[in-house]
Amino acid sequence: KLLSCVAGQAMKLHALSITRWKHENESIKEPVHLCYSVDLSQLSFFQRGTVKEITALVLRTCVAKTNPGDYQRLEHEGNYIYIISRHNGLAGVCIADTEYPQRVAFSIITKMLDDFTEACKGKFSEEAADNCMPFPPLEQALQKYQDPAEADKITKIQKDLEETKQVLYNTIDAVLARGEKLDDLIEKSDSLSMQSKKFYKTAKKHNQCCVVAFFRVGKFKTKKKSV
């Protein structure tokens, strides 16, 4: 289970991203993480770059498979990936373990999207490189909101979350195209280094939980509920 198995915490917030899924530049064919942050503090130095690369690929895939206007939660091996996709071309993503409160996770994403949009006045970079628009509050939020009680305070000022929201519940494999597998996407990805691909294969072969369990194929599960 990515990061959670080595963190040793009952409740964990793993990663946050603000991702652009719609581009005016037609040469950019996939979502770009304008800014993203992953808690790598509990991993060894040699694992950090690889885990961050693979996490970025998975988040990119999840955003690409979320329709504009949707709230989605993807389950995979003891972790949830929460996505809010907006019609302005941005999506916010949060990875947390299953103990982290869903309402709080969506509130964090909403706040980060609002704050980011306001800070850049609605003008988003057209660069294809990840982290092309660094946003320090995102990294600060990843640390600050490890305590859900702290994050829960923001739900009281999120007026739009007072309304009932329909959330799509899926697994990662359920949103992939028929015949696609996460292993294949990782193998074919141009954004992953050969070192990361080799590390992933080795970790999977030896069933190392720090990477493999999060990315293992999950059972199909889909339903709809309210936030």
Protein backbone atom coordinates (compact mmCIF):
# COMPACT_ATOMS: atom_id res chain seq x y z
CA LYS A 1 0.00 0.00 0.00
CA LEU A 2 1.80 3.04 -1.28
CA LEU A 3 3.42 4.86 1.63
CA SER A 4 0.84 3.79 4.21
CA CYS A 5 2.51 0.48 4.97
CA VAL A 6 5.76 2.18 5.91
CA ALA A 7 4.25 5.19 7.63
CA GLY A 8 3.00 3.22 10.60
CA GLN A 9 0.03 5.53 11.12
CA ALA A 10 -3.60 4.56 11.45
CA MET A 11 -4.69 7.54 9.36
CA LYS A 12 -2.60 9.02 6.58
CA LEU A 13 -2.78 11.66 3.88
CA HIS A 14 -0.34 10.60 1.15
CA ALA A 15 -0.47 13.08 -1.73
CA LEU A 16 -2.19 16.16 -3.17
CA SER A 17 -2.17 17.52 -6.69
CA ILE A 18 -3.68 20.25 -8.83
CA THR A 19 -3.80 18.91 -12.35
CA ARG A 20 -4.73 20.49 -15.67
CA TRP A 21 -6.74 18.12 -17.83
CA LYS A 22 -7.81 20.55 -20.59
CA HIS A 23 -5.17 22.30 -22.72
CA GLU A 24 -5.33 25.01 -25.36
CA ASN A 25 -2.11 23.56 -26.72
CA GLU A 26 -3.36 20.59 -28.71
CA SER A 27 0.08 18.96 -28.68
CA ILE A 28 -0.40 18.16 -24.98
CA LYS A 29 -2.42 14.95 -24.95
CA GLU A 30 -2.59 14.05 -21.26
CA PRO A 31 -3.17 15.76 -17.90
CA VAL A 32 -0.29 17.77 -16.43
CA HIS A 33 0.26 18.20 -12.69
CA LEU A 34 0.66 21.96 -12.35
CA CYS A 35 1.74 21.24 -8.80
CA TYR A 36 1.76 18.10 -6.70
CA SER A 37 3.21 16.94 -3.43
CA VAL A 38 3.81 13.45 -2.04
CA ASP A 39 4.68 12.63 1.57
CA LEU A 40 7.89 10.65 1.16
CA SER A 41 9.19 11.18 4.68
CA GLN A 42 8.86 7.54 5.70
CA LEU A 43 10.56 6.14 2.60
CA SER A 44 14.26 5.56 2.05
CA PHE A 45 16.15 8.09 -0.05
CA PHE A 46 16.52 5.60 -2.91
CA GLN A 47 12.77 4.91 -3.09
CA ARG A 48 11.54 8.48 -3.07
CA GLY A 49 12.10 9.46 -6.69
CA THR A 50 10.62 6.23 -7.99
CA VAL A 51 7.53 6.34 -5.79
CA LYS A 52 6.93 9.98 -6.72
CA GLU A 53 7.19 9.18 -10.44
CA ILE A 54 4.79 6.25 -10.23
CA THR A 55 2.37 8.22 -8.06
CA ALA A 56 2.32 11.02 -10.64
CA LEU A 57 1.48 8.53 -13.40
CA VAL A 58 -1.37 6.99 -11.42
CA LEU A 59 -2.82 10.40 -10.53
CA ARG A 60 -2.61 11.45 -14.19
CA THR A 61 -4.47 8.30 -15.22
CA CYS A 62 -7.18 8.86 -12.61
CA VAL A 63 -7.74 12.47 -13.71
CA ALA A 64 -7.96 11.40 -17.35
CA LYS A 65 -10.67 8.90 -16.40
CA THR A 66 -12.79 11.41 -14.45
CA ASN A 67 -15.44 13.39 -16.33
CA PRO A 68 -15.66 17.18 -15.90
CA GLY A 69 -17.95 18.08 -13.01
CA ASP A 70 -17.60 14.68 -11.33
CA TYR A 71 -16.55 13.82 -7.81
CA GLN A 72 -14.92 10.40 -7.82
CA ARG A 73 -13.32 8.07 -5.29
CA LEU A 74 -11.14 5.24 -6.57
CA GLU A 75 -10.31 2.38 -4.22
CA HIS A 76 -7.09 0.43 -4.52
CA GLU A 77 -5.59 -1.91 -1.95
CA GLY A 78 -6.26 -0.01 1.24
CA ASN A 79 -6.08 3.51 -0.16
CA TYR A 80 -8.55 5.92 -1.73
CA ILE A 81 -7.86 8.39 -4.52
CA TYR A 82 -10.29 11.32 -4.39
CA ILE A 83 -10.77 13.44 -7.53
CA ILE A 84 -12.76 16.59 -8.24
CA SER A 85 -12.76 17.57 -11.92
CA ARG A 86 -13.89 21.09 -12.77
CA HIS A 87 -15.12 22.53 -16.04
CA ASN A 88 -12.39 25.21 -15.96
CA GLY A 89 -9.87 22.54 -16.92
CA LEU A 90 -8.48 21.82 -13.46
CA ALA A 91 -8.79 18.75 -11.28
CA GLY A 92 -7.74 18.29 -7.68
CA VAL A 93 -6.57 14.91 -6.38
CA CYS A 94 -5.93 13.52 -2.93
CA ILE A 95 -4.57 10.10 -1.93
CA ALA A 96 -5.36 8.94 1.59
CA ASP A 97 -5.81 5.68 3.42
CA THR A 98 -9.29 4.32 4.01
CA GLU A 99 -9.42 5.67 7.56
CA TYR A 100 -9.12 9.29 6.44
CA PRO A 101 -12.59 10.95 6.38
CA GLN A 102 -14.01 11.29 2.89
CA ARG A 103 -15.76 14.60 3.54
CA VAL A 104 -12.52 16.09 4.81
CA ALA A 105 -10.58 14.85 1.77
CA PHE A 106 -13.02 16.47 -0.65
CA SER A 107 -12.98 19.68 1.42
CA ILE A 108 -9.18 19.87 1.17
CA ILE A 109 -9.33 19.42 -2.60
CA THR A 110 -12.00 22.11 -2.92
CA LYS A 111 -10.00 24.59 -0.86
CA MET A 112 -6.79 23.91 -2.79
CA LEU A 113 -8.53 24.33 -6.15
CA ASP A 114 -10.19 27.58 -5.02
CA ASP A 115 -6.98 29.00 -3.54
CA PHE A 116 -4.88 28.02 -6.56
CA THR A 117 -7.35 29.48 -9.06
CA GLU A 118 -7.51 32.73 -7.11
CA ALA A 119 -3.72 32.95 -6.72
CA CYS A 120 -3.05 32.57 -10.45
CA LYS A 121 -6.15 34.58 -11.42
CA GLY A 122 -7.47 31.76 -13.56
CA LYS A 123 -4.43 31.72 -15.86
CA PHE A 124 -2.88 28.26 -15.98
CA SER A 125 0.45 27.26 -17.48
CA GLU A 126 0.46 25.54 -20.87
CA GLU A 127 3.74 23.79 -20.16
CA ALA A 128 3.78 20.01 -20.44
CA ALA A 129 6.14 19.49 -17.50
CA ASP A 130 4.84 18.55 -14.05
CA ASN A 131 5.23 21.06 -11.21
CA CYS A 132 5.44 23.94 -13.69
CA MET A 133 3.39 26.14 -11.31
CA PRO A 134 4.75 25.57 -7.79
CA PHE A 135 2.16 26.34 -5.11
CA PRO A 136 3.62 26.24 -1.55
CA PRO A 137 0.18 26.09 0.15
CA LEU A 138 -0.29 22.63 -1.40
CA GLU A 139 2.79 21.23 0.33
CA GLN A 140 1.80 22.99 3.54
CA ALA A 141 -1.67 21.46 3.34
CA LEU A 142 -0.23 17.96 2.94
CA GLN A 143 1.53 18.37 6.27
CA LYS A 144 -1.08 20.43 8.12
CA TYR A 145 -4.03 18.21 7.26
CA GLN A 146 -2.45 14.96 8.37
CA ASP A 147 -4.70 15.67 11.34
CA PRO A 148 -8.26 15.41 9.95
CA ALA A 149 -9.55 17.44 12.90
CA GLU A 150 -7.55 20.38 11.57
CA ALA A 151 -8.85 19.88 8.06
CA ASP A 152 -12.42 19.42 9.24
CA LYS A 153 -12.52 23.09 10.19
CA ILE A 154 -12.55 24.06 6.54
CA THR A 155 -15.73 22.09 5.87
CA LYS A 156 -17.63 24.63 7.92
CA ILE A 157 -16.80 27.36 5.41
CA GLN A 158 -17.24 25.32 2.25
CA LYS A 159 -20.74 26.37 1.30
CA ASP A 160 -20.90 24.23 -1.82
CA LEU A 161 -20.19 21.09 0.19
CA GLU A 162 -23.29 21.68 2.26
CA GLU A 163 -25.24 20.59 -0.78
CA THR A 164 -25.55 16.90 -1.55
CA LYS A 165 -22.88 15.75 -3.96
CA GLN A 166 -23.01 12.55 -5.95
CA VAL A 167 -19.73 10.67 -5.70
CA LEU A 168 -18.73 7.92 -8.13
CA TYR A 169 -17.18 4.95 -6.35
CA ASN A 170 -14.84 2.76 -8.39
CA THR A 171 -11.56 0.91 -8.41
CA ILE A 172 -8.66 2.00 -10.62
CA ASP A 173 -9.14 -0.99 -12.91
CA ALA A 174 -12.84 -0.26 -13.24
CA VAL A 175 -12.17 3.09 -14.89
CA LEU A 176 -9.50 1.83 -17.28
CA ALA A 177 -10.51 0.94 -20.83
CA ARG A 178 -11.39 -2.68 -21.50
CA GLY A 179 -8.23 -4.75 -21.67
CA GLU A 180 -6.06 -2.07 -20.06
CA LYS A 181 -4.03 -2.87 -16.96
CA LEU A 182 -2.09 -0.56 -14.72
CA ASP A 183 1.01 -2.70 -15.17
CA ASP A 184 0.85 -2.12 -18.94
CA LEU A 185 0.40 1.63 -18.53
CA ILE A 186 3.46 1.77 -16.32
CA GLU A 187 5.50 -0.30 -18.78
CA LYS A 188 4.48 1.84 -21.78
CA SER A 189 4.71 5.22 -20.06
CA ASP A 190 7.14 7.75 -21.51
CA SER A 191 7.06 9.77 -18.29
CA LEU A 192 8.64 7.03 -16.17
CA SER A 193 12.38 6.45 -16.11
CA MET A 194 13.77 3.00 -16.84
CA GLN A 195 14.93 2.93 -13.24
CA SER A 196 11.37 3.41 -11.98
CA LYS A 197 10.00 0.72 -14.29
CA LYS A 198 12.68 -1.71 -13.17
CA PHE A 199 12.06 -0.86 -9.52
CA TYR A 200 8.33 -1.43 -9.96
CA LYS A 201 8.87 -4.84 -11.57
CA THR A 202 11.33 -5.90 -8.88
CA ALA A 203 9.09 -4.68 -6.07
CA LYS A 204 6.11 -6.49 -7.54
CA LYS A 205 8.08 -9.70 -7.98
CA HIS A 206 9.10 -9.64 -4.33
CA ASN A 207 5.72 -8.29 -3.20
CA GLN A 208 7.18 -5.23 -1.49
CA CYS A 209 4.27 -3.38 0.02
CA CYS A 210 5.78 0.10 -0.20
CA VAL A 211 4.95 0.24 -3.90
CA VAL A 212 3.29 -2.92 -5.12
CA ALA A 213 0.24 -3.31 -2.93
CA PHE A 214 -1.08 0.12 -3.89
CA PHE A 215 -0.77 -0.64 -7.58
CA ARG A 216 -2.02 -4.22 -7.56
CA VAL A 217 -5.08 -5.01 -9.58
CA GLY A 218 -8.19 -4.60 -7.46
CA LYS A 219 -11.57 -6.25 -7.76
CA PHE A 220 -14.23 -4.47 -9.76
CA LYS A 221 -16.50 -2.43 -7.58
CA THR A 222 -18.71 0.50 -8.55
CA LYS A 223 -21.63 2.28 -6.94
CA LYS A 224 -22.98 5.75 -6.25
CA LYS A 225 -23.46 7.47 -2.92
CA SER A 226 -23.72 11.00 -1.57
CA VAL A 227 -20.86 12.78 0.14
